């Protein structure tokens, strides 16, 4: 009698086992996704520059070498690389920063017109040599009060990327890696239709 009873229950047990196995197979990806999301978060980042807390760039104003007025807001609508020079003017690290931003700018090909480059110098700092400026066509040189741009922690000397809406986005060291800077710009220009 017991043998007959167990023979009758065997298909039910197999069916339950199959159903349980099927439920586990279906639930496994969901469980794995929760584990990966909450416990295995990668801390890797793709950008080279230091991502900044959202902050509107101050209204930086000054004068160009010819005496004309400059306002950072005039560049709204374009991506802008701000090269902030130290108190001594454009020294060797500043020149390397100019070179790096020029190369990264050039590497953007047809998209480079969407990016402006501005060298911020403290009032009274010597202007860069004409030979140096000749190597950087399109560079806007501005003399102004450094308090305008040092309001941001760690503001000098660094290179900043300002978005077309006038917000600080990324900060780079004074002598950045050219390829990585260019890659950041390429990603931003590809992802953004503004500017």
Protein backbone atom coordinates (compact mmCIF):
# COMPACT_ATOMS: atom_id res chain seq x y z
CA UNK A 1 0.00 0.00 0.00
CA UNK A 2 2.84 2.38 0.85
CA UNK A 3 4.61 1.61 -2.43
CA UNK A 4 1.47 2.46 -4.37
CA UNK A 5 1.04 5.67 -2.33
CA UNK A 6 4.65 6.79 -2.98
CA UNK A 7 4.35 5.96 -6.70
CA UNK A 8 1.32 8.21 -6.89
CA UNK A 9 3.09 11.11 -5.07
CA UNK A 10 6.31 10.87 -7.10
CA UNK A 11 4.96 12.84 -10.12
CA UNK A 12 3.68 15.55 -7.75
CA UNK A 13 7.07 15.84 -6.08
CA UNK A 14 8.77 16.08 -9.46
CA UNK A 15 6.28 18.72 -10.59
CA UNK A 16 6.86 20.76 -7.39
CA UNK A 17 10.62 20.46 -7.78
CA UNK A 18 10.37 21.56 -11.42
CA UNK A 19 8.13 24.51 -10.46
CA UNK A 20 10.50 25.54 -7.65
CA UNK A 21 13.51 25.28 -9.97
CA UNK A 22 11.73 27.34 -12.62
CA UNK A 23 10.84 30.02 -10.03
CA UNK A 24 14.49 30.17 -8.86
CA UNK A 25 15.74 30.52 -12.43
CA UNK A 26 13.31 33.39 -13.05
CA UNK A 27 14.10 35.15 -9.75
CA UNK A 28 17.91 34.78 -10.01
CA UNK A 29 18.51 37.79 -12.35
CA UNK A 30 16.35 40.03 -10.18
CA UNK A 31 18.17 38.95 -7.02
CA UNK A 32 21.54 39.32 -8.74
CA UNK A 33 20.66 42.85 -9.86
CA UNK A 34 19.76 43.87 -6.29
CA UNK A 35 23.00 42.41 -4.97
CA UNK A 36 25.03 44.17 -7.67
CA UNK A 37 23.26 47.50 -7.17
CA UNK A 38 23.40 47.66 -3.38
CA UNK A 39 26.63 45.82 -2.54
CA UNK A 40 28.87 45.73 -5.61
CA UNK A 41 28.77 49.35 -6.78
CA UNK A 42 31.81 50.23 -8.87
CA UNK A 43 33.46 53.50 -7.95
CA UNK A 44 35.06 53.91 -11.35
CA UNK A 45 34.47 57.12 -13.23
CA UNK A 46 34.93 57.91 -16.87
CA UNK A 47 35.85 61.58 -16.67
CA UNK A 48 39.41 62.75 -16.15
CA UNK A 49 38.61 66.16 -14.68
CA UNK A 50 37.35 66.54 -11.13
CA UNK A 51 33.57 66.82 -11.23
CA UNK A 52 32.49 69.93 -9.35
CA UNK A 53 29.38 70.56 -7.30
CA UNK A 54 26.91 72.46 -9.47
CA UNK A 55 27.71 76.16 -9.19
CA UNK A 56 27.21 79.08 -11.50
CA UNK A 57 30.46 80.71 -12.55
CA UNK A 58 30.83 84.21 -11.14
CA UNK A 59 30.43 87.12 -13.52
CA UNK A 60 34.08 87.46 -14.36
CA UNK A 61 34.91 90.72 -16.04
CA UNK A 62 38.12 92.39 -17.01
CA UNK A 63 39.96 93.94 -19.88
CA UNK A 64 41.59 92.45 -22.92
CA UNK A 65 45.09 93.56 -23.91
CA UNK A 66 43.65 96.09 -26.40
CA UNK A 67 41.63 97.70 -23.59
CA UNK A 68 38.24 96.29 -24.59
CA UNK A 69 35.95 95.02 -21.87
CA UNK A 70 35.40 91.33 -21.30
CA UNK A 71 32.49 89.59 -19.52
CA UNK A 72 32.34 85.84 -19.10
CA UNK A 73 28.60 85.99 -19.76
CA UNK A 74 29.43 87.00 -23.35
CA UNK A 75 30.56 83.41 -23.85
CA UNK A 76 27.31 81.84 -22.62
CA UNK A 77 26.12 79.40 -25.23
CA UNK A 78 29.62 77.94 -25.69
CA UNK A 79 31.71 75.51 -23.69
CA UNK A 80 34.59 77.47 -22.17
CA UNK A 81 37.97 76.39 -20.88
CA UNK A 82 39.14 78.91 -18.25
CA UNK A 83 42.88 78.82 -17.66
CA UNK A 84 43.49 80.59 -14.35
CA UNK A 85 47.07 81.88 -14.07
CA UNK A 86 48.87 82.50 -10.80
CA UNK A 87 49.89 85.89 -9.46
CA UNK A 88 53.15 85.91 -11.44
CA UNK A 89 51.30 85.81 -14.75
CA UNK A 90 51.67 83.04 -17.28
CA UNK A 91 54.66 81.09 -15.98
CA UNK A 92 55.91 77.67 -17.15
CA UNK A 93 52.97 75.63 -15.71
CA UNK A 94 50.54 78.13 -17.25
CA UNK A 95 52.26 77.77 -20.63
CA UNK A 96 51.93 73.98 -20.40
CA UNK A 97 48.23 74.43 -19.56
CA UNK A 98 47.82 76.68 -22.60
CA UNK A 99 49.51 74.08 -24.77
CA UNK A 100 47.36 71.25 -23.36
CA UNK A 101 44.10 73.14 -23.86
CA UNK A 102 45.12 74.17 -27.38
CA UNK A 103 45.89 70.56 -28.31
CA UNK A 104 42.69 69.21 -26.71
CA UNK A 105 40.73 71.97 -28.48
CA UNK A 106 42.33 71.14 -31.84
CA UNK A 107 41.63 67.40 -31.37
CA UNK A 108 37.88 68.13 -31.43
CA UNK A 109 37.98 68.68 -35.20
CA UNK A 110 34.83 70.33 -36.52
CA UNK A 111 33.36 70.55 -33.03
CA UNK A 112 36.15 72.84 -31.77
CA UNK A 113 34.14 75.95 -32.68
CA UNK A 114 31.82 75.06 -29.79
CA UNK A 115 34.67 75.60 -27.29
CA UNK A 116 36.16 78.92 -26.21
CA UNK A 117 39.47 79.34 -24.36
CA UNK A 118 40.11 82.15 -21.87
CA UNK A 119 43.31 82.93 -20.00
CA UNK A 120 42.58 84.81 -16.76
CA UNK A 121 45.46 86.92 -15.47
CA UNK A 122 45.49 89.05 -12.32
CA UNK A 123 45.50 92.81 -12.90
CA UNK A 124 49.06 94.01 -13.09
CA UNK A 125 50.44 90.62 -14.11
CA UNK A 126 52.61 90.76 -17.20
CA UNK A 127 50.86 89.91 -20.44
CA UNK A 128 52.08 86.77 -22.20
CA UNK A 129 54.74 87.32 -24.84
CA UNK A 130 53.35 88.02 -28.33
CA UNK A 131 55.17 84.92 -29.62
CA UNK A 132 53.30 82.79 -27.07
CA UNK A 133 49.95 84.33 -27.99
CA UNK A 134 50.68 83.76 -31.68
CA UNK A 135 50.87 80.03 -30.93
CA UNK A 136 47.34 80.11 -29.46
CA UNK A 137 44.93 81.57 -32.03
CA UNK A 138 41.49 82.27 -30.66
CA UNK A 139 42.72 82.48 -27.05
CA UNK A 140 41.05 85.31 -25.14
CA UNK A 141 43.43 86.94 -22.65
CA UNK A 142 41.81 88.84 -19.79
CA UNK A 143 43.31 90.90 -16.97
CA UNK A 144 41.01 91.25 -13.99
CA UNK A 145 40.59 91.20 -10.26
CA UNK A 146 41.53 87.67 -9.09
CA UNK A 147 38.95 87.87 -6.28
CA UNK A 148 36.33 87.27 -8.99
CA UNK A 149 37.60 83.79 -9.72
CA UNK A 150 39.22 82.81 -6.41
CA UNK A 151 35.85 82.65 -4.67
CA UNK A 152 35.83 79.01 -5.65
CA UNK A 153 37.93 76.79 -3.35
CA UNK A 154 41.20 75.81 -4.98
CA UNK A 155 40.61 78.21 -7.84
CA UNK A 156 44.17 79.13 -8.70
CA UNK A 157 45.94 78.00 -10.66
CA UNK A 158 43.70 75.48 -12.37
CA UNK A 159 41.80 74.92 -15.57
CA UNK A 160 38.01 74.92 -15.43
CA UNK A 161 35.39 73.80 -17.91
CA UNK A 162 32.30 76.02 -17.92
CA UNK A 163 29.16 74.76 -19.66
CA UNK A 164 27.08 76.84 -22.11
CA UNK A 165 24.72 77.83 -19.26
CA UNK A 166 27.58 79.35 -17.28
CA UNK A 167 28.09 76.57 -14.71
CA UNK A 168 31.40 75.18 -13.51
CA UNK A 169 31.50 71.51 -14.57
CA UNK A 170 35.03 70.13 -14.29
CA UNK A 171 38.36 71.20 -12.80
CA UNK A 172 41.71 70.11 -14.22
CA UNK A 173 45.24 70.48 -12.87
CA UNK A 174 47.36 73.30 -14.34
CA UNK A 175 49.30 70.79 -16.48
CA UNK A 176 46.62 68.29 -17.59
CA UNK A 177 46.98 65.09 -19.58
CA UNK A 178 46.13 66.22 -23.12
CA UNK A 179 44.53 63.01 -24.35
CA UNK A 180 42.34 62.60 -21.29
CA UNK A 181 41.25 66.26 -21.40
CA UNK A 182 40.42 65.88 -25.09
CA UNK A 183 38.44 62.70 -24.34
CA UNK A 184 36.37 64.56 -21.70
CA UNK A 185 35.61 67.32 -24.20
CA UNK A 186 34.73 64.80 -26.91
CA UNK A 187 32.27 63.00 -24.62
CA UNK A 188 30.62 66.24 -23.52
CA UNK A 189 30.29 67.59 -27.04
CA UNK A 190 28.88 64.31 -28.30
CA UNK A 191 26.34 64.08 -25.47
CA UNK A 192 25.33 67.73 -25.54
CA UNK A 193 23.48 69.50 -28.30
CA UNK A 194 23.83 72.86 -26.57
CA UNK A 195 26.80 75.12 -27.12
